Amino acid sequence: MGVHRLDPHLERVGLIANVQRVLHYRLHRLPEQLLERVHDQFEALAAARTWRCDPPWIASSYSRGLFEMEYFRHLQNDEADVGASGFVKMAADETDALIIAIFMRDLSAEYAIKTSMRDEDHPLAKLRRLEFQSGRLPTGKALEDVLAKRPVIKKVEGERIFFYPPTFRLHSQGPPSPEWAYALCGIRAYAPTLLEAEQEALKILRGFGHLGA
């Protein structure tokens, strides 16, 4: 990828310093022969939905864009075990951050490697630093176990969509669902993944006329 990436550091607007929230992610000790596939997976994720943040991207020794090559070269001087890395500037949509976290968890599980994320300004302290080893947190728990206490809320055209992870109990006495639940406009439904739940919820909003064609 040869697209110029925004500097994740300080920006200034007038005389006031404005630091934008940035999410960093790493894939550690990723075998060289997997790099092309991982780049393809990031491109597929970037194209899978509309992102309010920058679309996720990745840099590695496989990269050919000037920015990506320089970014990765400097990163490896400090973190030699990193096989691929990237960052995105966030735009007040927790769904973006969560989909990236789930994606990093899935890559860790698929390749049996360590992946990590750093999001210092995340509103939940327990999600500011995440590390996965073969798809599990260092405690051995699943990511969904950390997310079980509250829904994720996405605001679209004045409407709120609630997403509930599989471990969330919609009723105190009810069992957890094996799928992601979502609720909007008085409707509650389920989908196998958060990405699919978001797509279905947006279709419902369009059906109710809350979104343009």
C-alpha atoms as a PDB file:
ATOM      1  CA  MET A   1       0.000   0.000   0.000  1.00  0.00           C
ATOM      2  CA  GLY A   2       1.426   3.376  -0.978  1.00  0.00           C
ATOM      3  CA  VAL A   3      -1.140   5.593   0.691  1.00  0.00           C
ATOM      4  CA  HIS A   4       0.212   8.245   3.061  1.00  0.00           C
ATOM      5  CA  ARG A   5      -0.803   7.560   6.637  1.00  0.00           C
ATOM      6  CA  LEU A   6      -1.549  10.265   9.162  1.00  0.00           C
ATOM      7  CA  ASP A   7       1.043  10.909  11.845  1.00  0.00           C
ATOM      8  CA  PRO A   8      -0.247   9.295  15.063  1.00  0.00           C
ATOM      9  CA  HIS A   9       1.408  11.953  17.193  1.00  0.00           C
ATOM     10  CA  LEU A  10       0.489  15.513  18.145  1.00  0.00           C
ATOM     11  CA  GLU A  11      -1.560  17.742  15.882  1.00  0.00           C
ATOM     12  CA  ARG A  12      -2.209  21.433  16.473  1.00  0.00           C
ATOM     13  CA  VAL A  13      -5.324  23.395  15.652  1.00  0.00           C
ATOM     14  CA  GLY A  14      -4.691  27.103  16.125  1.00  0.00           C
ATOM     15  CA  LEU A  15      -2.889  27.515  19.445  1.00  0.00           C
ATOM     16  CA  ILE A  16      -4.570  24.516  21.088  1.00  0.00           C
ATOM     17  CA  ALA A  17      -2.885  21.132  21.039  1.00  0.00           C
ATOM     18  CA  ASN A  18      -5.277  18.371  20.062  1.00  0.00           C
ATOM     19  CA  VAL A  19      -4.277  14.746  20.575  1.00  0.00           C
ATOM     20  CA  GLN A  20      -6.514  12.293  18.732  1.00  0.00           C
ATOM     21  CA  ARG A  21      -7.107   8.818  20.083  1.00  0.00           C
ATOM     22  CA  VAL A  22      -4.930   6.262  18.293  1.00  0.00           C
ATOM     23  CA  LEU A  23      -5.206   2.469  18.364  1.00  0.00           C
ATOM     24  CA  HIS A  24      -1.940   0.566  17.755  1.00  0.00           C
ATOM     25  CA  TYR A  25      -1.791  -3.145  16.946  1.00  0.00           C
ATOM     26  CA  ARG A  26       1.058  -5.655  16.564  1.00  0.00           C
ATOM     27  CA  LEU A  27       1.541  -9.226  15.344  1.00  0.00           C
ATOM     28  CA  HIS A  28       4.548 -10.775  17.081  1.00  0.00           C
ATOM     29  CA  ARG A  29       6.887 -13.382  15.619  1.00  0.00           C
ATOM     30  CA  LEU A  30       4.710 -13.843  12.562  1.00  0.00           C
ATOM     31  CA  PRO A  31       6.376 -16.292  10.138  1.00  0.00           C
ATOM     32  CA  GLU A  32       7.561 -14.632   6.931  1.00  0.00           C
ATOM     33  CA  GLN A  33       5.599 -17.021   4.718  1.00  0.00           C
ATOM     34  CA  LEU A  34       2.312 -15.776   6.232  1.00  0.00           C
ATOM     35  CA  LEU A  35       2.835 -12.073   5.527  1.00  0.00           C
ATOM     36  CA  GLU A  36       1.158 -11.984   2.122  1.00  0.00           C
ATOM     37  CA  ARG A  37      -1.934 -13.711   3.486  1.00  0.00           C
ATOM     38  CA  VAL A  38      -2.102 -11.351   6.478  1.00  0.00           C
ATOM     39  CA  HIS A  39      -1.896  -8.327   4.176  1.00  0.00           C
ATOM     40  CA  ASP A  40      -4.759  -9.786   2.130  1.00  0.00           C
ATOM     41  CA  GLN A  41      -6.791 -10.310   5.309  1.00  0.00           C
ATOM     42  CA  PHE A  42      -6.301  -6.685   6.376  1.00  0.00           C
ATOM     43  CA  GLU A  43      -7.344  -5.462   2.931  1.00  0.00           C
ATOM     44  CA  ALA A  44     -10.463  -7.633   3.116  1.00  0.00           C
ATOM     45  CA  LEU A  45     -11.318  -6.261   6.561  1.00  0.00           C
ATOM     46  CA  ALA A  46     -10.829  -2.668   5.391  1.00  0.00           C
ATOM     47  CA  ALA A  47     -13.241  -3.277   2.493  1.00  0.00           C
ATOM     48  CA  ALA A  48     -15.832  -5.208   4.534  1.00  0.00           C
ATOM     49  CA  ARG A  49     -17.605  -2.195   6.065  1.00  0.00           C
ATOM     50  CA  THR A  50     -17.699   1.591   6.298  1.00  0.00           C
ATOM     51  CA  TRP A  51     -15.214   2.796   8.912  1.00  0.00           C
ATOM     52  CA  ARG A  52     -15.548   6.016  10.871  1.00  0.00           C
ATOM     53  CA  CYS A  53     -11.892   5.676  11.837  1.00  0.00           C
ATOM     54  CA  ASP A  54      -9.143   5.166   9.274  1.00  0.00           C
ATOM     55  CA  PRO A  55      -9.547   1.769   7.571  1.00  0.00           C
ATOM     56  CA  PRO A  56      -7.218  -0.754   9.236  1.00  0.00           C
ATOM     57  CA  TRP A  57      -3.945  -1.443   7.425  1.00  0.00           C
ATOM     58  CA  ILE A  58      -0.731  -3.319   8.129  1.00  0.00           C
ATOM     59  CA  ALA A  59       2.980  -2.800   7.541  1.00  0.00           C
ATOM     60  CA  SER A  60       5.633  -5.499   7.422  1.00  0.00           C
ATOM     61  CA  SER A  61       8.701  -6.550   5.460  1.00  0.00           C
ATOM     62  CA  TYR A  62       6.225  -7.480   2.714  1.00  0.00           C
ATOM     63  CA  SER A  63       5.094  -3.833   2.336  1.00  0.00           C
ATOM     64  CA  ARG A  64       6.118  -1.891  -0.771  1.00  0.00           C
ATOM     65  CA  GLY A  65       4.686   1.547   0.005  1.00  0.00           C
ATOM     66  CA  LEU A  66       7.262   4.112   1.148  1.00  0.00           C
ATOM     67  CA  PHE A  67       5.380   5.121   4.311  1.00  0.00           C
ATOM     68  CA  GLU A  68       4.740   1.528   5.364  1.00  0.00           C
ATOM     69  CA  MET A  69       8.358   0.510   4.723  1.00  0.00           C
ATOM     70  CA  GLU A  70       9.759   3.402   6.770  1.00  0.00           C
ATOM     71  CA  TYR A  71       7.223   2.981   9.556  1.00  0.00           C
ATOM     72  CA  PHE A  72       8.012  -0.713   9.904  1.00  0.00           C
ATOM     73  CA  ARG A  73      11.791  -0.186   9.680  1.00  0.00           C
ATOM     74  CA  HIS A  74      11.714   2.303  12.563  1.00  0.00           C
ATOM     75  CA  LEU A  75       9.377   0.097  14.589  1.00  0.00           C
ATOM     76  CA  GLN A  76      11.636  -2.938  14.282  1.00  0.00           C
ATOM     77  CA  ASN A  77      14.566  -0.946  15.648  1.00  0.00           C
ATOM     78  CA  ASP A  78      12.662  -0.818  18.957  1.00  0.00           C
ATOM     79  CA  GLU A  79      10.546  -3.988  18.796  1.00  0.00           C
ATOM     80  CA  ALA A  80      12.492  -6.668  16.963  1.00  0.00           C
ATOM     81  CA  ASP A  81       9.910  -9.420  17.591  1.00  0.00           C
ATOM     82  CA  VAL A  82       7.127  -7.580  15.714  1.00  0.00           C
ATOM     83  CA  GLY A  83       6.365  -9.232  12.382  1.00  0.00           C
ATOM     84  CA  ALA A  84       3.637  -6.807  11.281  1.00  0.00           C
ATOM     85  CA  SER A  85       2.076  -3.689  12.732  1.00  0.00           C
ATOM     86  CA  GLY A  86      -0.263  -0.752  12.104  1.00  0.00           C
ATOM     87  CA  PHE A  87      -2.339   1.929  13.750  1.00  0.00           C
ATOM     88  CA  VAL A  88      -5.588   3.806  13.143  1.00  0.00           C
ATOM     89  CA  LYS A  89      -6.884   7.144  14.344  1.00  0.00           C
ATOM     90  CA  MET A  90     -10.203   6.644  16.069  1.00  0.00           C
ATOM     91  CA  ALA A  91     -13.366   8.649  15.399  1.00  0.00           C
ATOM     92  CA  ALA A  92     -15.707   8.147  18.374  1.00  0.00           C
ATOM     93  CA  ASP A  93     -17.058   4.760  17.270  1.00  0.00           C
ATOM     94  CA  GLU A  94     -16.418   1.916  19.696  1.00  0.00           C
ATOM     95  CA  THR A  95     -17.677  -0.562  17.091  1.00  0.00           C
ATOM     96  CA  ASP A  96     -14.597   0.220  14.981  1.00  0.00           C
ATOM     97  CA  ALA A  97     -12.250  -0.515  17.889  1.00  0.00           C
ATOM     98  CA  LEU A  98     -14.060  -3.694  18.880  1.00  0.00           C
ATOM     99  CA  ILE A  99     -14.100  -5.140  15.365  1.00  0.00           C
ATOM    100  CA  ILE A 100     -10.338  -4.576  15.142  1.00  0.00           C
ATOM    101  CA  ALA A 101      -9.860  -6.243  18.549  1.00  0.00           C
ATOM    102  CA  ILE A 102     -11.874  -9.287  17.467  1.00  0.00           C
ATOM    103  CA  PHE A 103      -9.906  -9.430  14.221  1.00  0.00           C
ATOM    104  CA  MET A 104      -6.592  -9.366  16.104  1.00  0.00           C
ATOM    105  CA  ARG A 105      -7.865 -12.084  18.419  1.00  0.00           C
ATOM    106  CA  ASP A 106      -8.842 -14.211  15.415  1.00  0.00           C
ATOM    107  CA  LEU A 107      -5.417 -13.755  13.775  1.00  0.00           C
ATOM    108  CA  SER A 108      -3.773 -14.832  17.025  1.00  0.00           C
ATOM    109  CA  ALA A 109      -5.931 -17.953  17.100  1.00  0.00           C
ATOM    110  CA  GLU A 110      -5.493 -18.765  13.397  1.00  0.00           C
ATOM    111  CA  TYR A 111      -1.685 -18.529  13.406  1.00  0.00           C
ATOM    112  CA  ALA A 112      -1.038 -19.515  17.047  1.00  0.00           C
ATOM    113  CA  ILE A 113       0.920 -16.310  17.629  1.00  0.00           C
ATOM    114  CA  LYS A 114       0.897 -13.395  20.047  1.00  0.00           C
ATOM    115  CA  THR A 115      -0.954 -10.249  18.983  1.00  0.00           C
ATOM    116  CA  SER A 116      -1.272  -7.068  21.003  1.00  0.00           C
ATOM    117  CA  MET A 117      -3.180  -3.788  21.000  1.00  0.00           C
ATOM    118  CA  ARG A 118      -2.610  -0.456  22.708  1.00  0.00           C
ATOM    119  CA  ASP A 119      -5.437   2.080  22.951  1.00  0.00           C
ATOM    120  CA  GLU A 120      -4.419   4.414  25.795  1.00  0.00           C
ATOM    121  CA  ASP A 121      -7.509   6.621  25.536  1.00  0.00           C
ATOM    122  CA  HIS A 122     -10.110   3.850  25.443  1.00  0.00           C
ATOM    123  CA  PRO A 123     -12.994   4.781  27.798  1.00  0.00           C
ATOM    124  CA  LEU A 124     -12.664   1.376  29.533  1.00  0.00           C
ATOM    125  CA  ALA A 125      -9.344   0.942  31.341  1.00  0.00           C
ATOM    126  CA  LYS A 126      -9.385  -2.855  30.936  1.00  0.00           C
ATOM    127  CA  LEU A 127      -9.413  -2.498  27.124  1.00  0.00           C
ATOM    128  CA  ARG A 128      -6.555   0.004  26.853  1.00  0.00           C
ATOM    129  CA  ARG A 129      -4.012  -2.795  26.494  1.00  0.00           C
ATOM    130  CA  LEU A 130      -4.922  -6.195  25.126  1.00  0.00           C
ATOM    131  CA  GLU A 131      -2.722  -9.177  24.398  1.00  0.00           C
ATOM    132  CA  PHE A 132      -3.740 -12.468  22.815  1.00  0.00           C
ATOM    133  CA  GLN A 133      -1.814 -15.726  22.704  1.00  0.00           C
ATOM    134  CA  SER A 134      -3.336 -18.316  20.385  1.00  0.00           C
ATOM    135  CA  GLY A 135      -6.628 -16.409  20.616  1.00  0.00           C
ATOM    136  CA  ARG A 136      -6.831 -16.163  24.420  1.00  0.00           C
ATOM    137  CA  LEU A 137      -6.059 -13.423  26.900  1.00  0.00           C
ATOM    138  CA  PRO A 138      -3.051 -13.955  29.240  1.00  0.00           C
ATOM    139  CA  THR A 139      -5.504 -15.056  31.946  1.00  0.00           C
ATOM    140  CA  GLY A 140      -6.805 -17.793  29.668  1.00  0.00           C
ATOM    141  CA  LYS A 141     -10.153 -16.059  29.268  1.00  0.00           C
ATOM    142  CA  ALA A 142     -11.834 -15.200  25.981  1.00  0.00           C
ATOM    143  CA  LEU A 143     -12.186 -11.588  24.822  1.00  0.00           C
ATOM    144  CA  GLU A 144     -15.962 -11.902  25.156  1.00  0.00           C
ATOM    145  CA  ASP A 145     -15.545 -12.572  28.882  1.00  0.00           C
ATOM    146  CA  VAL A 146     -14.065  -9.089  29.274  1.00  0.00           C
ATOM    147  CA  LEU A 147     -16.899  -7.557  27.247  1.00  0.00           C
ATOM    148  CA  ALA A 148     -19.730  -9.297  29.087  1.00  0.00           C
ATOM    149  CA  LYS A 149     -20.728  -6.437  31.403  1.00  0.00           C
ATOM    150  CA  ARG A 150     -22.183  -3.934  28.966  1.00  0.00           C
ATOM    151  CA  PRO A 151     -23.480  -3.524  25.406  1.00  0.00           C
ATOM    152  CA  VAL A 152     -21.588  -1.638  22.710  1.00  0.00           C
ATOM    153  CA  ILE A 153     -23.607   1.301  21.413  1.00  0.00           C
ATOM    154  CA  LYS A 154     -23.333   2.653  17.874  1.00  0.00           C
ATOM    155  CA  LYS A 155     -25.103   5.888  16.920  1.00  0.00           C
ATOM    156  CA  VAL A 156     -26.231   6.207  13.310  1.00  0.00           C
ATOM    157  CA  GLU A 157     -28.321   9.117  12.030  1.00  0.00           C
ATOM    158  CA  GLY A 158     -29.650   9.824  15.518  1.00  0.00           C
ATOM    159  CA  GLU A 159     -30.586   6.190  16.176  1.00  0.00           C
ATOM    160  CA  ARG A 160     -28.817   3.952  18.676  1.00  0.00           C
ATOM    161  CA  ILE A 161     -27.907   0.339  17.916  1.00  0.00           C
ATOM    162  CA  PHE A 162     -27.066  -1.895  20.876  1.00  0.00           C
ATOM    163  CA  PHE A 163     -24.677  -4.826  20.363  1.00  0.00           C
ATOM    164  CA  TYR A 164     -24.424  -7.526  23.037  1.00  0.00           C
ATOM    165  CA  PRO A 165     -21.483  -9.981  23.103  1.00  0.00           C
ATOM    166  CA  PRO A 166     -22.255 -13.717  23.338  1.00  0.00           C
ATOM    167  CA  THR A 167     -21.471 -13.810  27.059  1.00  0.00           C
ATOM    168  CA  PHE A 168     -23.864 -10.954  27.866  1.00  0.00           C
ATOM    169  CA  ARG A 169     -27.033 -12.025  29.676  1.00  0.00           C
ATOM    170  CA  LEU A 170     -30.007 -10.080  28.360  1.00  0.00           C
ATOM    171  CA  HIS A 171     -31.950 -11.328  31.399  1.00  0.00           C
ATOM    172  CA  SER A 172     -30.360 -12.011  34.783  1.00  0.00           C
ATOM    173  CA  GLN A 173     -31.740 -15.561  34.876  1.00  0.00           C
ATOM    174  CA  GLY A 174     -31.303 -16.307  31.188  1.00  0.00           C
ATOM    175  CA  PRO A 175     -28.388 -18.234  29.661  1.00  0.00           C
ATOM    176  CA  PRO A 176     -25.821 -16.415  27.502  1.00  0.00           C
ATOM    177  CA  SER A 177     -26.371 -16.590  23.752  1.00  0.00           C
ATOM    178  CA  PRO A 178     -23.815 -18.276  21.474  1.00  0.00           C
ATOM    179  CA  GLU A 179     -24.207 -15.370  19.042  1.00  0.00           C
ATOM    180  CA  TRP A 180     -23.994 -11.572  19.046  1.00  0.00           C
ATOM    181  CA  ALA A 181     -27.334  -9.936  19.830  1.00  0.00           C
ATOM    182  CA  TYR A 182     -28.341  -6.530  18.505  1.00  0.00           C
ATOM    183  CA  ALA A 183     -31.284  -4.294  19.274  1.00  0.00           C
ATOM    184  CA  LEU A 184     -32.751  -1.225  17.572  1.00  0.00           C
ATOM    185  CA  CYS A 185     -36.164   0.306  16.853  1.00  0.00           C
ATOM    186  CA  GLY A 186     -37.805  -2.169  19.236  1.00  0.00           C
ATOM    187  CA  ILE A 187     -36.311  -5.154  17.391  1.00  0.00           C
ATOM    188  CA  ARG A 188     -33.863  -7.688  18.845  1.00  0.00           C
ATOM    189  CA  ALA A 189     -32.073 -10.263  16.720  1.00  0.00           C
ATOM    190  CA  TYR A 190     -28.884 -12.336  16.562  1.00  0.00           C
ATOM    191  CA  ALA A 191     -25.955 -12.889  14.199  1.00  0.00           C
ATOM    192  CA  PRO A 192     -22.880 -15.138  14.366  1.00  0.00           C
ATOM    193  CA  THR A 193     -20.360 -12.251  14.448  1.00  0.00           C
ATOM    194  CA  LEU A 194     -20.293  -8.567  15.384  1.00  0.00           C
ATOM    195  CA  LEU A 195     -19.556  -7.656  11.770  1.00  0.00           C
ATOM    196  CA  GLU A 196     -22.646  -9.521  10.567  1.00  0.00           C
ATOM    197  CA  ALA A 197     -24.759  -8.088  13.387  1.00  0.00           C
ATOM    198  CA  GLU A 198     -23.738  -4.572  12.376  1.00  0.00           C
ATOM    199  CA  GLN A 199     -24.543  -5.232   8.707  1.00  0.00           C
ATOM    200  CA  GLU A 200     -27.975  -6.630   9.555  1.00  0.00           C
ATOM    201  CA  ALA A 201     -28.747  -3.748  11.937  1.00  0.00           C
ATOM    202  CA  LEU A 202     -27.872  -1.181   9.258  1.00  0.00           C
ATOM    203  CA  LYS A 203     -30.158  -2.993   6.805  1.00  0.00           C
ATOM    204  CA  ILE A 204     -32.993  -2.665   9.328  1.00  0.00           C
ATOM    205  CA  LEU A 205     -32.310   1.051   9.736  1.00  0.00           C
ATOM    206  CA  ARG A 206     -32.474   1.488   5.980  1.00  0.00           C
ATOM    207  CA  GLY A 207     -35.733  -0.420   5.954  1.00  0.00           C
ATOM    208  CA  PHE A 208     -37.175   2.004   8.502  1.00  0.00           C
ATOM    209  CA  GLY A 209     -35.986   4.933   6.412  1.00  0.00           C
ATOM    210  CA  HIS A 210     -33.430   6.212   8.921  1.00  0.00           C
ATOM    211  CA  LEU A 211     -30.611   5.903   6.402  1.00  0.00           C
ATOM    212  CA  GLY A 212     -30.455   7.128   2.842  1.00  0.00           C
ATOM    213  CA  ALA A 213     -30.424   4.741  -0.059  1.00  0.00           C
END
